Amino acid sequence: MSGNPQEHPIDDAILSDEAAPQKMKPVVVELERKPGVHYDGFQRPFHPLQVVSWFVFFFDLLTYFLINMVSLMHHSLGAVVFFSVLYLVISAFILYYAIVATRIDPSDPTIREQRLVEAQG
């Protein structure tokens, strides 16, 4: 191979800025929120059973430490610490996934696409 440009012609269009792929800007579409329609579980008014579940969860967490752990204090301290940490970790996972599930838009994907199409015009 020799360095002769005649043997390997390079297309000028490939080197030009016009042919370079342009970065696409993301399209942000504002969906019109219809009154009275919930798009996630954190929108008010909260469902009464949702509020009850919050109280039950934190009441259960509190009673576990005030009743169960206090009653085990005369047993092994290592067991008390182990089960307390285990219960806290499991409770943290439950709380995290409850928040994730509550933030999800429960509408059907077809309805969501229809809303998006209507918003784009």
PDB file of N, CA and C in Angstrom:
ATOM      1  N   MET A   1       0.837  -1.185   0.000  1.00  0.00           N
ATOM      2  CA  MET A   1       0.000   0.000   0.000  1.00  0.00           C
ATOM      3  C   MET A   1       0.870   1.232   0.000  1.00  0.00           C
ATOM      4  N   SER A   2       0.584   2.070  -0.871  1.00  0.00           N
ATOM      5  CA  SER A   2       1.311   3.327  -0.895  1.00  0.00           C
ATOM      6  C   SER A   2       0.410   4.416  -0.353  1.00  0.00           C
ATOM      7  N   GLY A   3       0.948   5.512   0.031  1.00  0.00           N
ATOM      8  CA  GLY A   3       0.194   6.601   0.621  1.00  0.00           C
ATOM      9  C   GLY A   3      -0.447   7.496  -0.408  1.00  0.00           C
ATOM     10  N   ASN A   4      -0.630   7.017  -1.614  1.00  0.00           N
ATOM     11  CA  ASN A   4      -1.180   7.805  -2.697  1.00  0.00           C
ATOM     12  C   ASN A   4      -2.680   8.009  -2.478  1.00  0.00           C
ATOM     13  N   PRO A   5      -3.144   9.250  -2.367  1.00  0.00           N
ATOM     14  CA  PRO A   5      -4.566   9.506  -2.152  1.00  0.00           C
ATOM     15  C   PRO A   5      -5.412   9.104  -3.342  1.00  0.00           C
ATOM     16  N   GLN A   6      -4.807   8.927  -4.507  1.00  0.00           N
ATOM     17  CA  GLN A   6      -5.537   8.526  -5.699  1.00  0.00           C
ATOM     18  C   GLN A   6      -6.074   7.103  -5.549  1.00  0.00           C
ATOM     19  N   GLU A   7      -5.343   6.253  -4.837  1.00  0.00           N
ATOM     20  CA  GLU A   7      -5.746   4.857  -4.702  1.00  0.00           C
ATOM     21  C   GLU A   7      -6.915   4.702  -3.724  1.00  0.00           C
ATOM     22  N   HIS A   8      -7.002   5.564  -2.711  1.00  0.00           N
ATOM     23  CA  HIS A   8      -8.043   5.475  -1.699  1.00  0.00           C
ATOM     24  C   HIS A   8      -8.768   6.805  -1.605  1.00  0.00           C
ATOM     25  N   PRO A   9      -9.694   7.055  -2.527  1.00  0.00           N
ATOM     26  CA  PRO A   9     -10.410   8.330  -2.468  1.00  0.00           C
ATOM     27  C   PRO A   9     -11.318   8.379  -1.230  1.00  0.00           C
ATOM     28  N   ILE A  10     -11.334   9.508  -0.602  1.00  0.00           N
ATOM     29  CA  ILE A  10     -12.174   9.714   0.577  1.00  0.00           C
ATOM     30  C   ILE A  10     -13.299  10.648   0.178  1.00  0.00           C
ATOM     31  N   ASP A  11     -14.480  10.238   0.496  1.00  0.00           N
ATOM     32  CA  ASP A  11     -15.643  11.030   0.147  1.00  0.00           C
ATOM     33  C   ASP A  11     -15.666  12.280   1.022  1.00  0.00           C
ATOM     34  N   ASP A  12     -15.770  13.444   0.388  1.00  0.00           N
ATOM     35  CA  ASP A  12     -15.771  14.701   1.130  1.00  0.00           C
ATOM     36  C   ASP A  12     -17.004  14.829   2.026  1.00  0.00           C
ATOM     37  N   ALA A  13     -18.078  14.196   1.633  1.00  0.00           N
ATOM     38  CA  ALA A  13     -19.303  14.312   2.421  1.00  0.00           C
ATOM     39  C   ALA A  13     -19.143  13.648   3.786  1.00  0.00           C
ATOM     40  N   ILE A  14     -18.337  12.592   3.846  1.00  0.00           N
ATOM     41  CA  ILE A  14     -18.130  11.906   5.117  1.00  0.00           C
ATOM     42  C   ILE A  14     -17.378  12.811   6.082  1.00  0.00           C
ATOM     43  N   LEU A  15     -16.461  13.595   5.577  1.00  0.00           N
ATOM     44  CA  LEU A  15     -15.648  14.447   6.423  1.00  0.00           C
ATOM     45  C   LEU A  15     -16.318  15.776   6.758  1.00  0.00           C
ATOM     46  N   SER A  16     -17.363  16.125   6.021  1.00  0.00           N
ATOM     47  CA  SER A  16     -17.987  17.427   6.264  1.00  0.00           C
ATOM     48  C   SER A  16     -18.864  17.376   7.520  1.00  0.00           C
ATOM     49  N   ASP A  17     -19.095  18.540   8.071  1.00  0.00           N
ATOM     50  CA  ASP A  17     -19.937  18.644   9.259  1.00  0.00           C
ATOM     51  C   ASP A  17     -21.400  18.332   8.944  1.00  0.00           C
ATOM     52  N   GLU A  18     -21.799  18.530   7.706  1.00  0.00           N
ATOM     53  CA  GLU A  18     -23.184  18.297   7.329  1.00  0.00           C
ATOM     54  C   GLU A  18     -23.557  16.824   7.449  1.00  0.00           C
ATOM     55  N   ALA A  19     -22.634  15.938   7.160  1.00  0.00           N
ATOM     56  CA  ALA A  19     -22.920  14.510   7.184  1.00  0.00           C
ATOM     57  C   ALA A  19     -22.753  13.923   8.580  1.00  0.00           C
ATOM     58  N   ALA A  20     -22.148  14.666   9.484  1.00  0.00           N
ATOM     59  CA  ALA A  20     -21.964  14.144  10.841  1.00  0.00           C
ATOM     60  C   ALA A  20     -23.325  14.005  11.508  1.00  0.00           C
ATOM     61  N   PRO A  21     -23.510  12.929  12.251  1.00  0.00           N
ATOM     62  CA  PRO A  21     -24.812  12.751  12.895  1.00  0.00           C
ATOM     63  C   PRO A  21     -25.071  13.859  13.918  1.00  0.00           C
ATOM     64  N   GLN A  22     -26.238  14.412  13.832  1.00  0.00           N
ATOM     65  CA  GLN A  22     -26.611  15.477  14.746  1.00  0.00           C
ATOM     66  C   GLN A  22     -27.180  14.870  16.018  1.00  0.00           C
ATOM     67  N   LYS A  23     -26.853  15.481  17.141  1.00  0.00           N
ATOM     68  CA  LYS A  23     -27.413  15.003  18.398  1.00  0.00           C
ATOM     69  C   LYS A  23     -28.877  15.406  18.448  1.00  0.00           C
ATOM     70  N   MET A  24     -29.709  14.428  18.750  1.00  0.00           N
ATOM     71  CA  MET A  24     -31.134  14.699  18.832  1.00  0.00           C
ATOM     72  C   MET A  24     -31.461  15.208  20.223  1.00  0.00           C
ATOM     73  N   LYS A  25     -32.224  16.276  20.253  1.00  0.00           N
ATOM     74  CA  LYS A  25     -32.654  16.819  21.534  1.00  0.00           C
ATOM     75  C   LYS A  25     -33.908  16.069  21.972  1.00  0.00           C
ATOM     76  N   PRO A  26     -33.971  15.692  23.247  1.00  0.00           N
ATOM     77  CA  PRO A  26     -35.165  14.980  23.704  1.00  0.00           C
ATOM     78  C   PRO A  26     -36.390  15.883  23.650  1.00  0.00           C
ATOM     79  N   VAL A  27     -37.484  15.292  23.254  1.00  0.00           N
ATOM     80  CA  VAL A  27     -38.729  16.027  23.162  1.00  0.00           C
ATOM     81  C   VAL A  27     -39.450  15.889  24.500  1.00  0.00           C
ATOM     82  N   VAL A  28     -39.751  17.013  25.102  1.00  0.00           N
ATOM     83  CA  VAL A  28     -40.476  17.015  26.368  1.00  0.00           C
ATOM     84  C   VAL A  28     -41.903  17.458  26.072  1.00  0.00           C
ATOM     85  N   VAL A  29     -42.822  16.580  26.383  1.00  0.00           N
ATOM     86  CA  VAL A  29     -44.222  16.867  26.135  1.00  0.00           C
ATOM     87  C   VAL A  29     -44.913  17.012  27.481  1.00  0.00           C
ATOM     88  N   GLU A  30     -45.576  18.122  27.676  1.00  0.00           N
ATOM     89  CA  GLU A  30     -46.339  18.356  28.899  1.00  0.00           C
ATOM     90  C   GLU A  30     -47.730  17.769  28.711  1.00  0.00           C
ATOM     91  N   LEU A  31     -48.059  16.777  29.516  1.00  0.00           N
ATOM     92  CA  LEU A  31     -49.388  16.198  29.452  1.00  0.00           C
ATOM     93  C   LEU A  31     -50.338  17.034  30.302  1.00  0.00           C
ATOM     94  N   GLU A  32     -51.488  17.280  29.760  1.00  0.00           N
ATOM     95  CA  GLU A  32     -52.484  18.042  30.507  1.00  0.00           C
ATOM     96  C   GLU A  32     -53.078  17.130  31.576  1.00  0.00           C
ATOM     97  N   ARG A  33     -53.030  17.589  32.803  1.00  0.00           N
ATOM     98  CA  ARG A  33     -53.564  16.814  33.926  1.00  0.00           C
ATOM     99  C   ARG A  33     -55.061  17.082  34.036  1.00  0.00           C
ATOM    100  N   LYS A  34     -55.819  16.009  33.945  1.00  0.00           N
ATOM    101  CA  LYS A  34     -57.266  16.152  34.071  1.00  0.00           C
ATOM    102  C   LYS A  34     -57.629  16.184  35.552  1.00  0.00           C
ATOM    103  N   PRO A  35     -58.519  17.079  35.943  1.00  0.00           N
ATOM    104  CA  PRO A  35     -58.893  17.151  37.364  1.00  0.00           C
ATOM    105  C   PRO A  35     -59.609  15.881  37.794  1.00  0.00           C
ATOM    106  N   GLY A  36     -59.268  15.419  38.986  1.00  0.00           N
ATOM    107  CA  GLY A  36     -59.903  14.235  39.541  1.00  0.00           C
ATOM    108  C   GLY A  36     -59.271  12.918  39.140  1.00  0.00           C
ATOM    109  N   VAL A  37     -58.267  12.964  38.250  1.00  0.00           N
ATOM    110  CA  VAL A  37     -57.593  11.745  37.805  1.00  0.00           C
ATOM    111  C   VAL A  37     -56.268  11.624  38.540  1.00  0.00           C
ATOM    112  N   HIS A  38     -56.028  10.487  39.150  1.00  0.00           N
ATOM    113  CA  HIS A  38     -54.777  10.259  39.871  1.00  0.00           C
ATOM    114  C   HIS A  38     -53.727   9.700  38.910  1.00  0.00           C
ATOM    115  N   TYR A  39     -52.558  10.326  38.887  1.00  0.00           N
ATOM    116  CA  TYR A  39     -51.463   9.856  38.060  1.00  0.00           C
ATOM    117  C   TYR A  39     -50.426   9.120  38.888  1.00  0.00           C
ATOM    118  N   ASP A  40     -50.517   9.207  40.192  1.00  0.00           N
ATOM    119  CA  ASP A  40     -49.723   8.405  41.116  1.00  0.00           C
ATOM    120  C   ASP A  40     -50.433   8.406  42.468  1.00  0.00           C
ATOM    121  N   GLY A  41     -49.926   7.608  43.390  1.00  0.00           N
ATOM    122  CA  GLY A  41     -50.598   7.455  44.668  1.00  0.00           C
ATOM    123  C   GLY A  41     -50.347   8.562  45.669  1.00  0.00           C
ATOM    124  N   PHE A  42     -49.493   9.515  45.329  1.00  0.00           N
ATOM    125  CA  PHE A  42     -49.208  10.604  46.258  1.00  0.00           C
ATOM    126  C   PHE A  42     -50.066  11.843  45.996  1.00  0.00           C
ATOM    127  N   GLN A  43     -50.972  11.763  45.039  1.00  0.00           N
ATOM    128  CA  GLN A  43     -51.852  12.887  44.766  1.00  0.00           C
ATOM    129  C   GLN A  43     -53.018  12.860  45.744  1.00  0.00           C
ATOM    130  N   ARG A  44     -53.398  14.033  46.183  1.00  0.00           N
ATOM    131  CA  ARG A  44     -54.509  14.142  47.124  1.00  0.00           C
ATOM    132  C   ARG A  44     -55.817  14.192  46.368  1.00  0.00           C
ATOM    133  N   PRO A  45     -56.873  13.739  46.902  1.00  0.00           N
ATOM    134  CA  PRO A  45     -57.074  13.200  48.243  1.00  0.00           C
ATOM    135  C   PRO A  45     -56.577  11.754  48.312  1.00  0.00           C
ATOM    136  N   PHE A  46     -55.968  11.419  49.437  1.00  0.00           N
ATOM    137  CA  PHE A  46     -55.500  10.058  49.643  1.00  0.00           C
ATOM    138  C   PHE A  46     -56.683   9.140  49.916  1.00  0.00           C
ATOM    139  N   HIS A  47     -56.535   7.899  49.495  1.00  0.00           N
ATOM    140  CA  HIS A  47     -57.569   6.908  49.784  1.00  0.00           C
ATOM    141  C   HIS A  47     -57.491   6.564  51.270  1.00  0.00           C
ATOM    142  N   PRO A  48     -58.632   6.413  51.941  1.00  0.00           N
ATOM    143  CA  PRO A  48     -58.605   6.129  53.380  1.00  0.00           C
ATOM    144  C   PRO A  48     -57.811   4.873  53.744  1.00  0.00           C
ATOM    145  N   LEU A  49     -57.899   3.833  52.923  1.00  0.00           N
ATOM    146  CA  LEU A  49     -57.134   2.613  53.222  1.00  0.00           C
ATOM    147  C   LEU A  49     -55.630   2.833  53.061  1.00  0.00           C
ATOM    148  N   GLN A  50     -55.253   3.753  52.194  1.00  0.00           N
ATOM    149  CA  GLN A  50     -53.837   4.089  52.036  1.00  0.00           C
ATOM    150  C   GLN A  50     -53.310   4.736  53.313  1.00  0.00           C
ATOM    151  N   VAL A  51     -54.079   5.655  53.869  1.00  0.00           N
ATOM    152  CA  VAL A  51     -53.675   6.328  55.106  1.00  0.00           C
ATOM    153  C   VAL A  51     -53.640   5.324  56.257  1.00  0.00           C
ATOM    154  N   VAL A  52     -54.626   4.442  56.318  1.00  0.00           N
ATOM    155  CA  VAL A  52     -54.653   3.412  57.359  1.00  0.00           C
ATOM    156  C   VAL A  52     -53.418   2.520  57.257  1.00  0.00           C
ATOM    157  N   SER A  53     -53.022   2.165  56.041  1.00  0.00           N
ATOM    158  CA  SER A  53     -51.839   1.303  55.877  1.00  0.00           C
ATOM    159  C   SER A  53     -50.576   1.987  56.385  1.00  0.00           C
ATOM    160  N   TRP A  54     -50.482   3.308  56.237  1.00  0.00           N
ATOM    161  CA  TRP A  54     -49.314   4.026  56.766  1.00  0.00           C
ATOM    162  C   TRP A  54     -49.275   3.941  58.288  1.00  0.00           C
ATOM    163  N   PHE A  55     -50.430   4.176  58.911  1.00  0.00           N
ATOM    164  CA  PHE A  55     -50.486   4.101  60.373  1.00  0.00           C
ATOM    165  C   PHE A  55     -50.185   2.688  60.867  1.00  0.00           C
ATOM    166  N   VAL A  56     -50.730   1.690  60.193  1.00  0.00           N
ATOM    167  CA  VAL A  56     -50.498   0.300  60.602  1.00  0.00           C
ATOM    168  C   VAL A  56     -49.021  -0.048  60.468  1.00  0.00           C
ATOM    169  N   PHE A  57     -48.381   0.375  59.401  1.00  0.00           N
ATOM    170  CA  PHE A  57     -46.962   0.065  59.203  1.00  0.00           C
ATOM    171  C   PHE A  57     -46.112   0.657  60.321  1.00  0.00           C
ATOM    172  N   PHE A  58     -46.303   1.942  60.597  1.00  0.00           N
ATOM    173  CA  PHE A  58     -45.471   2.576  61.625  1.00  0.00           C
ATOM    174  C   PHE A  58     -45.850   2.124  63.034  1.00  0.00           C
ATOM    175  N   PHE A  59     -47.124   1.799  63.254  1.00  0.00           N
ATOM    176  CA  PHE A  59     -47.533   1.244  64.536  1.00  0.00           C
ATOM    177  C   PHE A  59     -46.895  -0.134  64.743  1.00  0.00           C
ATOM    178  N   ASP A  60     -46.870  -0.943  63.698  1.00  0.00           N
ATOM    179  CA  ASP A  60     -46.233  -2.259  63.761  1.00  0.00           C
ATOM    180  C   ASP A  60     -44.741  -2.126  64.042  1.00  0.00           C
ATOM    181  N   LEU A  61     -44.098  -1.176  63.398  1.00  0.00           N
ATOM    182  CA  LEU A  61     -42.676  -0.940  63.619  1.00  0.00           C
ATOM    183  C   LEU A  61     -42.413  -0.539  65.072  1.00  0.00           C
ATOM    184  N   LEU A  62     -43.219   0.347  65.589  1.00  0.00           N
ATOM    185  CA  LEU A  62     -43.062   0.818  66.957  1.00  0.00           C
ATOM    186  C   LEU A  62     -43.339  -0.289  67.974  1.00  0.00           C
ATOM    187  N   THR A  63     -44.425  -1.024  67.779  1.00  0.00           N
ATOM    188  CA  THR A  63     -44.763  -2.080  68.737  1.00  0.00           C
ATOM    189  C   THR A  63     -43.758  -3.216  68.723  1.00  0.00           C
ATOM    190  N   TYR A  64     -43.141  -3.471  67.583  1.00  0.00           N
ATOM    191  CA  TYR A  64     -42.115  -4.526  67.532  1.00  0.00           C
ATOM    192  C   TYR A  64     -40.977  -4.198  68.500  1.00  0.00           C
ATOM    193  N   PHE A  65     -40.539  -2.961  68.476  1.00  0.00           N
ATOM    194  CA  PHE A  65     -39.409  -2.597  69.343  1.00  0.00           C
ATOM    195  C   PHE A  65     -39.838  -2.391  70.791  1.00  0.00           C
ATOM    196  N   LEU A  66     -41.044  -1.881  71.010  1.00  0.00           N
ATOM    197  CA  LEU A  66     -41.470  -1.629  72.387  1.00  0.00           C
ATOM    198  C   LEU A  66     -41.964  -2.890  73.106  1.00  0.00           C
ATOM    199  N   ILE A  67     -42.489  -3.848  72.376  1.00  0.00           N
ATOM    200  CA  ILE A  67     -43.017  -5.057  73.015  1.00  0.00           C
ATOM    201  C   ILE A  67     -42.096  -6.250  72.798  1.00  0.00           C
ATOM    202  N   ASN A  68     -41.833  -6.596  71.561  1.00  0.00           N
ATOM    203  CA  ASN A  68     -41.056  -7.805  71.283  1.00  0.00           C
ATOM    204  C   ASN A  68     -39.616  -7.686  71.764  1.00  0.00           C
ATOM    205  N   MET A  69     -38.968  -6.603  71.457  1.00  0.00           N
ATOM    206  CA  MET A  69     -37.559  -6.485  71.835  1.00  0.00           C
ATOM    207  C   MET A  69     -37.386  -6.294  73.341  1.00  0.00           C
ATOM    208  N   VAL A  70     -38.305  -5.611  73.985  1.00  0.00           N
ATOM    209  CA  VAL A  70     -38.218  -5.436  75.435  1.00  0.00           C
ATOM    210  C   VAL A  70     -38.425  -6.777  76.132  1.00  0.00           C
ATOM    211  N   SER A  71     -39.346  -7.597  75.595  1.00  0.00           N
ATOM    212  CA  SER A  71     -39.580  -8.901  76.209  1.00  0.00           C
ATOM    213  C   SER A  71     -38.408  -9.857  76.005  1.00  0.00           C
ATOM    214  N   LEU A  72     -37.579  -9.618  75.017  1.00  0.00           N
ATOM    215  CA  LEU A  72     -36.416 -10.483  74.781  1.00  0.00           C
ATOM    216  C   LEU A  72     -35.154  -9.978  75.472  1.00  0.00           C
ATOM    217  N   MET A  73     -35.224  -8.878  76.180  1.00  0.00           N
ATOM    218  CA  MET A  73     -34.028  -8.304  76.798  1.00  0.00           C
ATOM    219  C   MET A  73     -33.378  -9.240  77.809  1.00  0.00           C
ATOM    220  N   HIS A  74     -34.152 -10.096  78.481  1.00  0.00           N
ATOM    221  CA  HIS A  74     -33.539 -11.001  79.453  1.00  0.00           C
ATOM    222  C   HIS A  74     -32.894 -12.208  78.778  1.00  0.00           C
ATOM    223  N   HIS A  75     -33.086 -12.338  77.460  1.00  0.00           N
ATOM    224  CA  HIS A  75     -32.401 -13.387  76.703  1.00  0.00           C
ATOM    225  C   HIS A  75     -31.077 -12.830  76.181  1.00  0.00           C
ATOM    226  N   SER A  76     -30.536 -13.482  75.222  1.00  0.00           N
ATOM    227  CA  SER A  76     -29.247 -13.094  74.658  1.00  0.00           C
ATOM    228  C   SER A  76     -29.311 -11.704  74.008  1.00  0.00           C
ATOM    229  N   LEU A  77     -28.375 -10.849  74.384  1.00  0.00           N
ATOM    230  CA  LEU A  77     -28.310  -9.502  73.800  1.00  0.00           C
ATOM    231  C   LEU A  77     -27.955  -9.590  72.315  1.00  0.00           C
ATOM    232  N   GLY A  78     -27.147 -10.573  71.948  1.00  0.00           N
ATOM    233  CA  GLY A  78     -26.790 -10.762  70.542  1.00  0.00           C
ATOM    234  C   GLY A  78     -28.001 -11.070  69.683  1.00  0.00           C
ATOM    235  N   ALA A  79     -28.933 -11.878  70.207  1.00  0.00           N
ATOM    236  CA  ALA A  79     -30.149 -12.208  69.469  1.00  0.00           C
ATOM    237  C   ALA A  79     -31.027 -10.976  69.305  1.00  0.00           C
ATOM    238  N   VAL A  80     -31.112 -10.170  70.356  1.00  0.00           N
ATOM    239  CA  VAL A  80     -31.916  -8.952  70.295  1.00  0.00           C
ATOM    240  C   VAL A  80     -31.370  -8.002  69.237  1.00  0.00           C
ATOM    241  N   VAL A  81     -30.066  -7.820  69.231  1.00  0.00           N
ATOM    242  CA  VAL A  81     -29.441  -6.930  68.248  1.00  0.00           C
ATOM    243  C   VAL A  81     -29.616  -7.490  66.840  1.00  0.00           C
ATOM    244  N   PHE A  82     -29.382  -8.795  66.683  1.00  0.00           N
ATOM    245  CA  PHE A  82     -29.500  -9.424  65.360  1.00  0.00           C
ATOM    246  C   PHE A  82     -30.917  -9.253  64.805  1.00  0.00           C
ATOM    247  N   PHE A  83     -31.929  -9.600  65.601  1.00  0.00           N
ATOM    248  CA  PHE A  83     -33.301  -9.517  65.118  1.00  0.00           C
ATOM    249  C   PHE A  83     -33.772  -8.077  64.942  1.00  0.00           C
ATOM    250  N   SER A  84     -33.269  -7.176  65.725  1.00  0.00           N
ATOM    251  CA  SER A  84     -33.614  -5.762  65.549  1.00  0.00           C
ATOM    252  C   SER A  84     -33.069  -5.224  64.234  1.00  0.00           C
ATOM    253  N   VAL A  85     -31.820  -5.530  63.951  1.00  0.00           N
ATOM    254  CA  VAL A  85     -31.211  -5.072  62.691  1.00  0.00           C
ATOM    255  C   VAL A  85     -31.908  -5.733  61.505  1.00  0.00           C
ATOM    256  N   LEU A  86     -32.189  -7.018  61.614  1.00  0.00           N
ATOM    257  CA  LEU A  86     -32.879  -7.728  60.536  1.00  0.00           C
ATOM    258  C   LEU A  86     -34.256  -7.112  60.275  1.00  0.00           C
ATOM    259  N   TYR A  87     -34.984  -6.833  61.346  1.00  0.00           N
ATOM    260  CA  TYR A  87     -36.314  -6.241  61.205  1.00  0.00           C
ATOM    261  C   TYR A  87     -36.230  -4.836  60.601  1.00  0.00           C
ATOM    262  N   LEU A  88     -35.242  -4.067  60.998  1.00  0.00           N
ATOM    263  CA  LEU A  88     -35.073  -2.724  60.423  1.00  0.00           C
ATOM    264  C   LEU A  88     -34.751  -2.783  58.937  1.00  0.00           C
ATOM    265  N   VAL A  89     -33.891  -3.710  58.532  1.00  0.00           N
ATOM    266  CA  VAL A  89     -33.527  -3.836  57.117  1.00  0.00           C
ATOM    267  C   VAL A  89     -34.749  -4.250  56.297  1.00  0.00           C
ATOM    268  N   ILE A  90     -35.478  -5.242  56.782  1.00  0.00           N
ATOM    269  CA  ILE A  90     -36.673  -5.684  56.062  1.00  0.00           C
ATOM    270  C   ILE A  90     -37.706  -4.556  55.996  1.00  0.00           C
ATOM    271  N   SER A  91     -37.885  -3.831  57.092  1.00  0.00           N
ATOM    272  CA  SER A  91     -38.830  -2.711  57.107  1.00  0.00           C
ATOM    273  C   SER A  91     -38.405  -1.604  56.149  1.00  0.00           C
ATOM    274  N   ALA A  92     -37.104  -1.367  56.042  1.00  0.00           N
ATOM    275  CA  ALA A  92     -36.607  -0.350  55.106  1.00  0.00           C
ATOM    276  C   ALA A  92     -36.901  -0.753  53.667  1.00  0.00           C
ATOM    277  N   PHE A  93     -36.714  -2.044  53.342  1.00  0.00           N
ATOM    278  CA  PHE A  93     -37.050  -2.519  51.995  1.00  0.00           C
ATOM    279  C   PHE A  93     -38.542  -2.369  51.719  1.00  0.00           C
ATOM    280  N   ILE A  94     -39.358  -2.731  52.687  1.00  0.00           N
ATOM    281  CA  ILE A  94     -40.806  -2.613  52.516  1.00  0.00           C
ATOM    282  C   ILE A  94     -41.197  -1.161  52.282  1.00  0.00           C
ATOM    283  N   LEU A  95     -40.641  -0.259  53.060  1.00  0.00           N
ATOM    284  CA  LEU A  95     -40.948   1.165  52.905  1.00  0.00           C
ATOM    285  C   LEU A  95     -40.481   1.682  51.547  1.00  0.00           C
ATOM    286  N   TYR A  96     -39.276   1.298  51.119  1.00  0.00           N
ATOM    287  CA  TYR A  96     -38.748   1.735  49.824  1.00  0.00           C
ATOM    288  C   TYR A  96     -39.650   1.267  48.679  1.00  0.00           C
ATOM    289  N   TYR A  97     -39.993  -0.027  48.679  1.00  0.00           N
ATOM    290  CA  TYR A  97     -40.812  -0.548  47.586  1.00  0.00           C
ATOM    291  C   TYR A  97     -42.249  -0.048  47.652  1.00  0.00           C
ATOM    292  N   ALA A  98     -42.742   0.286  48.831  1.00  0.00           N
ATOM    293  CA  ALA A  98     -44.066   0.895  48.935  1.00  0.00           C
ATOM    294  C   ALA A  98     -44.064   2.280  48.282  1.00  0.00           C
ATOM    295  N   ILE A  99     -42.996   3.041  48.501  1.00  0.00           N
ATOM    296  CA  ILE A  99     -42.884   4.365  47.881  1.00  0.00           C
ATOM    297  C   ILE A  99     -42.762   4.240  46.370  1.00  0.00           C
ATOM    298  N   VAL A 100     -41.943   3.277  45.913  1.00  0.00           N
ATOM    299  CA  VAL A 100     -41.789   3.067  44.462  1.00  0.00           C
ATOM    300  C   VAL A 100     -43.132   2.688  43.829  1.00  0.00           C
ATOM    301  N   ALA A 101     -43.853   1.784  44.465  1.00  0.00           N
ATOM    302  CA  ALA A 101     -45.140   1.346  43.923  1.00  0.00           C
ATOM    303  C   ALA A 101     -46.165   2.475  43.938  1.00  0.00           C
ATOM    304  N   THR A 102     -46.105   3.325  44.943  1.00  0.00           N
ATOM    305  CA  THR A 102     -47.067   4.427  45.043  1.00  0.00           C
ATOM    306  C   THR A 102     -46.784   5.496  43.992  1.00  0.00           C
ATOM    307  N   ARG A 103     -45.531   5.658  43.596  1.00  0.00           N
ATOM    308  CA  ARG A 103     -45.175   6.688  42.611  1.00  0.00           C
ATOM    309  C   ARG A 103     -45.468   6.272  41.180  1.00  0.00           C
ATOM    310  N   ILE A 104     -45.741   4.997  40.934  1.00  0.00           N
ATOM    311  CA  ILE A 104     -45.968   4.503  39.575  1.00  0.00           C
ATOM    312  C   ILE A 104     -47.320   4.989  39.056  1.00  0.00           C
ATOM    313  N   ASP A 105     -47.344   5.367  37.791  1.00  0.00           N
ATOM    314  CA  ASP A 105     -48.583   5.745  37.131  1.00  0.00           C
ATOM    315  C   ASP A 105     -49.365   4.467  36.832  1.00  0.00           C
ATOM    316  N   PRO A 106     -50.535   4.289  37.436  1.00  0.00           N
ATOM    317  CA  PRO A 106     -51.252   3.022  37.284  1.00  0.00           C
ATOM    318  C   PRO A 106     -52.037   2.888  35.985  1.00  0.00           C
ATOM    319  N   SER A 107     -52.010   3.891  35.147  1.00  0.00           N
ATOM    320  CA  SER A 107     -52.822   3.825  33.933  1.00  0.00           C
ATOM    321  C   SER A 107     -52.252   2.809  32.950  1.00  0.00           C
ATOM    322  N   ASP A 108     -53.133   2.323  32.130  1.00  0.00           N
ATOM    323  CA  ASP A 108     -52.801   1.329  31.112  1.00  0.00           C
ATOM    324  C   ASP A 108     -51.824   1.936  30.110  1.00  0.00           C
ATOM    325  N   PRO A 109     -50.815   1.167  29.645  1.00  0.00           N
ATOM    326  CA  PRO A 109     -49.854   1.721  28.674  1.00  0.00           C
ATOM    327  C   PRO A 109     -50.528   2.265  27.408  1.00  0.00           C
ATOM    328  N   THR A 110     -51.618   1.656  26.984  1.00  0.00           N
ATOM    329  CA  THR A 110     -52.322   2.150  25.794  1.00  0.00           C
ATOM    330  C   THR A 110     -52.917   3.529  26.059  1.00  0.00           C
ATOM    331  N   ILE A 111     -53.489   3.721  27.234  1.00  0.00           N
ATOM    332  CA  ILE A 111     -54.059   5.016  27.592  1.00  0.00           C
ATOM    333  C   ILE A 111     -52.939   6.057  27.708  1.00  0.00           C
ATOM    334  N   ARG A 112     -51.808   5.644  28.265  1.00  0.00           N
ATOM    335  CA  ARG A 112     -50.670   6.556  28.398  1.00  0.00           C
ATOM    336  C   ARG A 112     -50.187   7.005  27.019  1.00  0.00           C
ATOM    337  N   GLU A 113     -50.098   6.063  26.064  1.00  0.00           N
ATOM    338  CA  GLU A 113     -49.681   6.420  24.702  1.00  0.00           C
ATOM    339  C   GLU A 113     -50.707   7.341  24.048  1.00  0.00           C
ATOM    340  N   GLN A 114     -51.989   7.081  24.298  1.00  0.00           N
ATOM    341  CA  GLN A 114     -53.035   7.926  23.734  1.00  0.00           C
ATOM    342  C   GLN A 114     -52.921   9.349  24.267  1.00  0.00           C
ATOM    343  N   ARG A 115     -52.652   9.484  25.568  1.00  0.00           N
ATOM    344  CA  ARG A 115     -52.476  10.826  26.152  1.00  0.00           C
ATOM    345  C   ARG A 115     -51.274  11.529  25.533  1.00  0.00           C
ATOM    346  N   LEU A 116     -50.202  10.777  25.301  1.00  0.00           N
ATOM    347  CA  LEU A 116     -48.996  11.348  24.707  1.00  0.00           C
ATOM    348  C   LEU A 116     -49.259  11.805  23.278  1.00  0.00           C
ATOM    349  N   VAL A 117     -49.959  11.013  22.508  1.00  0.00           N
ATOM    350  CA  VAL A 117     -50.293  11.373  21.118  1.00  0.00           C
ATOM    351  C   VAL A 117     -51.184  12.610  21.101  1.00  0.00           C
ATOM    352  N   GLU A 118     -52.172  12.650  22.000  1.00  0.00           N
ATOM    353  CA  GLU A 118     -53.060  13.811  22.057  1.00  0.00           C
ATOM    354  C   GLU A 118     -52.297  15.074  22.451  1.00  0.00           C
ATOM    355  N   ALA A 119     -51.299  14.943  23.332  1.00  0.00           N
ATOM    356  CA  ALA A 119     -50.529  16.098  23.748  1.00  0.00           C
ATOM    357  C   ALA A 119     -49.629  16.607  22.630  1.00  0.00           C
ATOM    358  N   GLN A 120     -49.151  15.691  21.772  1.00  0.00           N
ATOM    359  CA  GLN A 120     -48.278  16.100  20.673  1.00  0.00           C
ATOM    360  C   GLN A 120     -49.068  16.716  19.530  1.00  0.00           C
ATOM    361  N   GLY A 121     -50.340  16.410  19.443  1.00  0.00           N
ATOM    362  CA  GLY A 121     -51.186  17.037  18.428  1.00  0.00           C
ATOM    363  C   GLY A 121     -51.400  16.238  17.254  1.00  0.00           C
TER     364      GLY A 121
END
